Amino acid sequence: MTIVSLPKPDAPVVWGKIIHRVARDGLPVFSDYYDEHGNRVRRLSFDEPRVMGGRRIPTRWVVMPDAKPGHRTEMRIEWVAFNVPIDPEVFTRANLRRGR
């Protein structure tokens, strides 16, 4: 499945669009990020699915900028927890301004 994310007109966003490719099993395959002129800027790919926290998730995420062939940023998920309670105080305006 392909999902195309487009910003609302005049929205102050960085990306002109993002195209997400999702496998039949619901796992993300990649996300392509485009600038406001329609040029692809980077690809975020997902692989190495494993079961963590009772869910099957991709555990390797790789960002590859189109302007720098051969460069990449890789993130590996080693542990994850879902449905962790979060104190509502975390989301008060004061705490959000402080970065807590």
N, C-alpha and C. Protein backbone atom coordinates (compact mmCIF):
# COMPACT_ATOMS: atom_id res chain seq x y z
N MET A 1 0.84 -1.16 0.00
CA MET A 1 0.00 0.00 0.00
C MET A 1 0.90 1.23 0.00
N THR A 2 0.44 2.27 -0.67
CA THR A 2 1.16 3.54 -0.69
C THR A 2 0.29 4.61 -0.06
N ILE A 3 0.88 5.39 0.82
CA ILE A 3 0.19 6.51 1.47
C ILE A 3 0.94 7.78 1.11
N VAL A 4 0.23 8.77 0.58
CA VAL A 4 0.84 10.05 0.23
C VAL A 4 0.36 11.08 1.24
N SER A 5 1.31 11.70 1.94
CA SER A 5 0.99 12.74 2.93
C SER A 5 1.31 14.09 2.31
N LEU A 6 0.29 14.96 2.23
CA LEU A 6 0.45 16.30 1.66
C LEU A 6 0.09 17.33 2.72
N PRO A 7 0.88 18.42 2.81
CA PRO A 7 0.53 19.46 3.78
C PRO A 7 -0.65 20.28 3.29
N LYS A 8 -1.33 20.90 4.22
CA LYS A 8 -2.39 21.83 3.86
C LYS A 8 -1.75 23.04 3.18
N PRO A 9 -2.47 23.70 2.27
CA PRO A 9 -1.92 24.90 1.63
C PRO A 9 -1.50 25.92 2.69
N ASP A 10 -0.36 26.53 2.46
CA ASP A 10 0.19 27.57 3.35
C ASP A 10 0.59 27.05 4.73
N ALA A 11 0.66 25.75 4.92
CA ALA A 11 1.14 25.20 6.20
C ALA A 11 2.65 25.41 6.29
N PRO A 12 3.14 25.84 7.45
CA PRO A 12 4.59 26.08 7.60
C PRO A 12 5.33 24.77 7.86
N VAL A 13 5.54 23.99 6.81
CA VAL A 13 6.20 22.69 6.94
C VAL A 13 7.43 22.63 6.05
N VAL A 14 8.29 21.67 6.34
CA VAL A 14 9.53 21.50 5.59
C VAL A 14 9.30 20.72 4.30
N TRP A 15 8.44 19.70 4.35
CA TRP A 15 8.30 18.78 3.22
C TRP A 15 7.11 19.13 2.34
N GLY A 16 7.32 19.03 1.01
CA GLY A 16 6.24 19.22 0.05
C GLY A 16 5.29 18.04 0.04
N LYS A 17 5.85 16.85 0.27
CA LYS A 17 5.04 15.64 0.43
C LYS A 17 5.93 14.53 0.97
N ILE A 18 5.28 13.52 1.53
CA ILE A 18 5.97 12.32 1.98
C ILE A 18 5.18 11.14 1.44
N ILE A 19 5.89 10.22 0.80
CA ILE A 19 5.26 9.01 0.28
C ILE A 19 5.73 7.84 1.12
N HIS A 20 4.77 7.14 1.73
CA HIS A 20 5.05 6.00 2.59
C HIS A 20 4.65 4.72 1.87
N ARG A 21 5.52 3.74 1.89
CA ARG A 21 5.20 2.41 1.33
C ARG A 21 5.06 1.46 2.51
N VAL A 22 3.92 0.75 2.55
CA VAL A 22 3.61 -0.16 3.65
C VAL A 22 3.39 -1.55 3.07
N ALA A 23 4.00 -2.56 3.68
CA ALA A 23 3.86 -3.95 3.23
C ALA A 23 2.46 -4.47 3.57
N ARG A 24 2.09 -5.58 2.96
CA ARG A 24 0.78 -6.19 3.21
C ARG A 24 0.57 -6.54 4.68
N ASP A 25 1.67 -6.82 5.38
CA ASP A 25 1.55 -7.17 6.80
C ASP A 25 1.44 -5.95 7.71
N GLY A 26 1.43 -4.74 7.11
CA GLY A 26 1.27 -3.51 7.87
C GLY A 26 2.55 -2.85 8.31
N LEU A 27 3.70 -3.49 8.05
CA LEU A 27 4.97 -2.89 8.44
C LEU A 27 5.42 -1.87 7.40
N PRO A 28 6.02 -0.76 7.86
CA PRO A 28 6.53 0.21 6.91
C PRO A 28 7.72 -0.36 6.15
N VAL A 29 7.83 -0.01 4.86
CA VAL A 29 8.95 -0.44 4.03
C VAL A 29 9.90 0.74 3.83
N PHE A 30 9.35 1.89 3.41
CA PHE A 30 10.15 3.10 3.28
C PHE A 30 9.24 4.32 3.29
N SER A 31 9.85 5.48 3.53
CA SER A 31 9.19 6.78 3.40
C SER A 31 10.11 7.66 2.58
N ASP A 32 9.60 8.23 1.49
CA ASP A 32 10.36 9.15 0.66
C ASP A 32 9.90 10.57 0.96
N TYR A 33 10.86 11.46 1.22
CA TYR A 33 10.58 12.84 1.58
C TYR A 33 10.91 13.74 0.39
N TYR A 34 9.97 14.62 0.02
CA TYR A 34 10.11 15.50 -1.13
C TYR A 34 10.08 16.96 -0.69
N ASP A 35 10.84 17.80 -1.40
CA ASP A 35 10.82 19.23 -1.11
C ASP A 35 9.60 19.87 -1.76
N GLU A 36 9.47 21.19 -1.61
CA GLU A 36 8.31 21.90 -2.13
C GLU A 36 8.26 21.94 -3.66
N HIS A 37 9.37 21.57 -4.32
CA HIS A 37 9.42 21.54 -5.79
C HIS A 37 9.15 20.15 -6.35
N GLY A 38 8.91 19.17 -5.48
CA GLY A 38 8.62 17.82 -5.92
C GLY A 38 9.84 16.94 -6.11
N ASN A 39 11.01 17.41 -5.65
CA ASN A 39 12.25 16.62 -5.76
C ASN A 39 12.43 15.77 -4.50
N ARG A 40 12.73 14.49 -4.69
CA ARG A 40 12.98 13.65 -3.53
C ARG A 40 14.27 14.11 -2.86
N VAL A 41 14.23 14.22 -1.54
CA VAL A 41 15.36 14.71 -0.76
C VAL A 41 16.03 13.59 0.02
N ARG A 42 15.23 12.67 0.55
CA ARG A 42 15.80 11.57 1.33
C ARG A 42 14.84 10.40 1.36
N ARG A 43 15.40 9.25 1.71
CA ARG A 43 14.59 8.04 1.91
C ARG A 43 14.89 7.50 3.30
N LEU A 44 13.83 7.14 4.00
CA LEU A 44 13.93 6.45 5.28
C LEU A 44 13.43 5.04 5.03
N SER A 45 14.32 4.05 5.19
CA SER A 45 13.92 2.66 4.95
C SER A 45 13.87 1.90 6.28
N PHE A 46 13.02 0.89 6.30
CA PHE A 46 12.80 0.09 7.51
C PHE A 46 13.00 -1.38 7.17
N ASP A 47 13.72 -2.12 8.02
CA ASP A 47 13.86 -3.56 7.82
C ASP A 47 14.21 -4.25 9.13
N GLU A 48 14.59 -5.50 9.03
CA GLU A 48 14.91 -6.36 10.18
C GLU A 48 13.77 -6.41 11.20
N PRO A 49 12.58 -6.85 10.76
CA PRO A 49 11.45 -6.93 11.70
C PRO A 49 11.68 -7.98 12.78
N ARG A 50 11.27 -7.62 14.01
CA ARG A 50 11.34 -8.53 15.15
C ARG A 50 10.15 -8.25 16.05
N VAL A 51 9.83 -9.20 16.90
CA VAL A 51 8.77 -9.00 17.88
C VAL A 51 9.40 -8.38 19.13
N MET A 52 8.88 -7.22 19.51
CA MET A 52 9.32 -6.52 20.71
C MET A 52 8.09 -5.93 21.38
N GLY A 53 8.02 -6.05 22.67
CA GLY A 53 6.86 -5.51 23.38
C GLY A 53 5.56 -6.12 22.91
N GLY A 54 5.63 -7.34 22.39
CA GLY A 54 4.43 -8.03 21.92
C GLY A 54 3.97 -7.63 20.53
N ARG A 55 4.77 -6.81 19.84
CA ARG A 55 4.41 -6.36 18.49
C ARG A 55 5.57 -6.60 17.54
N ARG A 56 5.25 -6.85 16.29
CA ARG A 56 6.29 -7.01 15.26
C ARG A 56 6.58 -5.63 14.68
N ILE A 57 7.83 -5.20 14.81
CA ILE A 57 8.23 -3.86 14.36
C ILE A 57 9.55 -3.95 13.60
N PRO A 58 9.82 -2.99 12.71
CA PRO A 58 11.14 -2.94 12.07
C PRO A 58 12.16 -2.44 13.10
N THR A 59 13.29 -3.11 13.19
CA THR A 59 14.28 -2.73 14.21
C THR A 59 15.49 -2.01 13.63
N ARG A 60 15.53 -1.85 12.31
CA ARG A 60 16.60 -1.07 11.69
C ARG A 60 15.96 -0.02 10.81
N TRP A 61 16.31 1.25 11.06
CA TRP A 61 15.81 2.38 10.29
C TRP A 61 17.04 3.07 9.69
N VAL A 62 17.02 3.31 8.40
CA VAL A 62 18.16 3.92 7.72
C VAL A 62 17.69 5.14 6.92
N VAL A 63 18.30 6.30 7.19
CA VAL A 63 18.02 7.52 6.43
C VAL A 63 19.16 7.74 5.45
N MET A 64 18.80 7.92 4.16
CA MET A 64 19.79 8.15 3.12
C MET A 64 19.46 9.45 2.39
N PRO A 65 20.29 10.49 2.57
CA PRO A 65 20.03 11.75 1.88
C PRO A 65 20.41 11.64 0.40
N ASP A 66 19.53 12.08 -0.49
CA ASP A 66 19.82 11.99 -1.93
C ASP A 66 20.99 12.88 -2.34
N ALA A 67 21.20 14.00 -1.64
CA ALA A 67 22.27 14.93 -2.01
C ALA A 67 23.66 14.43 -1.61
N LYS A 68 23.72 13.39 -0.78
CA LYS A 68 25.01 12.87 -0.32
C LYS A 68 25.06 11.36 -0.53
N PRO A 69 25.25 10.92 -1.77
CA PRO A 69 25.32 9.47 -2.02
C PRO A 69 26.39 8.81 -1.15
N GLY A 70 26.06 7.67 -0.60
CA GLY A 70 26.99 6.95 0.26
C GLY A 70 26.88 7.31 1.73
N HIS A 71 26.22 8.43 2.04
CA HIS A 71 26.02 8.83 3.43
C HIS A 71 24.72 8.21 3.94
N ARG A 72 24.68 7.94 5.23
CA ARG A 72 23.49 7.35 5.81
C ARG A 72 23.53 7.52 7.32
N THR A 73 22.37 7.53 7.91
CA THR A 73 22.22 7.50 9.36
C THR A 73 21.40 6.27 9.68
N GLU A 74 21.90 5.44 10.57
CA GLU A 74 21.23 4.19 10.89
C GLU A 74 20.84 4.18 12.37
N MET A 75 19.61 3.76 12.63
CA MET A 75 19.14 3.63 14.00
C MET A 75 18.66 2.19 14.19
N ARG A 76 19.08 1.58 15.28
CA ARG A 76 18.65 0.21 15.60
C ARG A 76 17.84 0.24 16.89
N ILE A 77 16.68 -0.37 16.83
CA ILE A 77 15.81 -0.46 18.00
C ILE A 77 16.19 -1.73 18.75
N GLU A 78 16.64 -1.58 19.99
CA GLU A 78 17.05 -2.74 20.78
C GLU A 78 16.01 -3.12 21.83
N TRP A 79 15.17 -2.17 22.21
CA TRP A 79 14.18 -2.41 23.25
C TRP A 79 13.06 -1.39 23.07
N VAL A 80 11.83 -1.80 23.31
CA VAL A 80 10.70 -0.88 23.21
C VAL A 80 9.60 -1.31 24.18
N ALA A 81 8.86 -0.33 24.69
CA ALA A 81 7.71 -0.60 25.55
C ALA A 81 6.53 0.19 25.00
N PHE A 82 5.36 -0.42 24.98
CA PHE A 82 4.15 0.23 24.49
C PHE A 82 3.18 0.44 25.64
N ASN A 83 2.27 1.40 25.47
CA ASN A 83 1.21 1.68 26.44
C ASN A 83 1.75 1.99 27.83
N VAL A 84 2.86 2.71 27.88
CA VAL A 84 3.45 3.12 29.15
C VAL A 84 2.68 4.35 29.64
N PRO A 85 2.19 4.34 30.88
CA PRO A 85 1.45 5.50 31.38
C PRO A 85 2.35 6.75 31.43
N ILE A 86 1.78 7.86 31.00
CA ILE A 86 2.49 9.14 31.04
C ILE A 86 1.64 10.11 31.84
N ASP A 87 2.27 10.75 32.82
CA ASP A 87 1.58 11.73 33.66
C ASP A 87 1.07 12.88 32.78
N PRO A 88 -0.20 13.23 32.86
CA PRO A 88 -0.74 14.33 32.05
C PRO A 88 0.00 15.65 32.26
N GLU A 89 0.65 15.82 33.41
CA GLU A 89 1.43 17.04 33.68
C GLU A 89 2.54 17.25 32.65
N VAL A 90 3.01 16.17 32.06
CA VAL A 90 4.08 16.27 31.06
C VAL A 90 3.64 17.17 29.92
N PHE A 91 2.34 17.19 29.61
CA PHE A 91 1.85 17.89 28.44
C PHE A 91 1.25 19.26 28.73
N THR A 92 1.49 19.81 29.91
CA THR A 92 1.04 21.17 30.17
C THR A 92 1.89 22.12 29.34
N ARG A 93 1.34 23.28 29.03
CA ARG A 93 2.09 24.25 28.22
C ARG A 93 3.41 24.63 28.89
N ALA A 94 3.37 24.81 30.19
CA ALA A 94 4.59 25.20 30.91
C ALA A 94 5.68 24.14 30.76
N ASN A 95 5.32 22.87 30.95
CA ASN A 95 6.32 21.80 30.82
C ASN A 95 6.79 21.64 29.38
N LEU A 96 5.88 21.81 28.43
CA LEU A 96 6.29 21.70 27.02
C LEU A 96 7.27 22.82 26.65
N ARG A 97 7.05 24.02 27.19
CA ARG A 97 7.99 25.12 26.93
C ARG A 97 9.36 24.83 27.55
N ARG A 98 9.36 24.20 28.73
CA ARG A 98 10.62 23.88 29.42
C ARG A 98 11.33 22.69 28.78
N GLY A 99 10.62 21.91 28.00
CA GLY A 99 11.24 20.75 27.37
C GLY A 99 11.28 19.53 28.27
N ARG A 100 10.38 19.44 29.22
CA ARG A 100 10.35 18.29 30.13
C ARG A 100 9.47 17.21 29.60
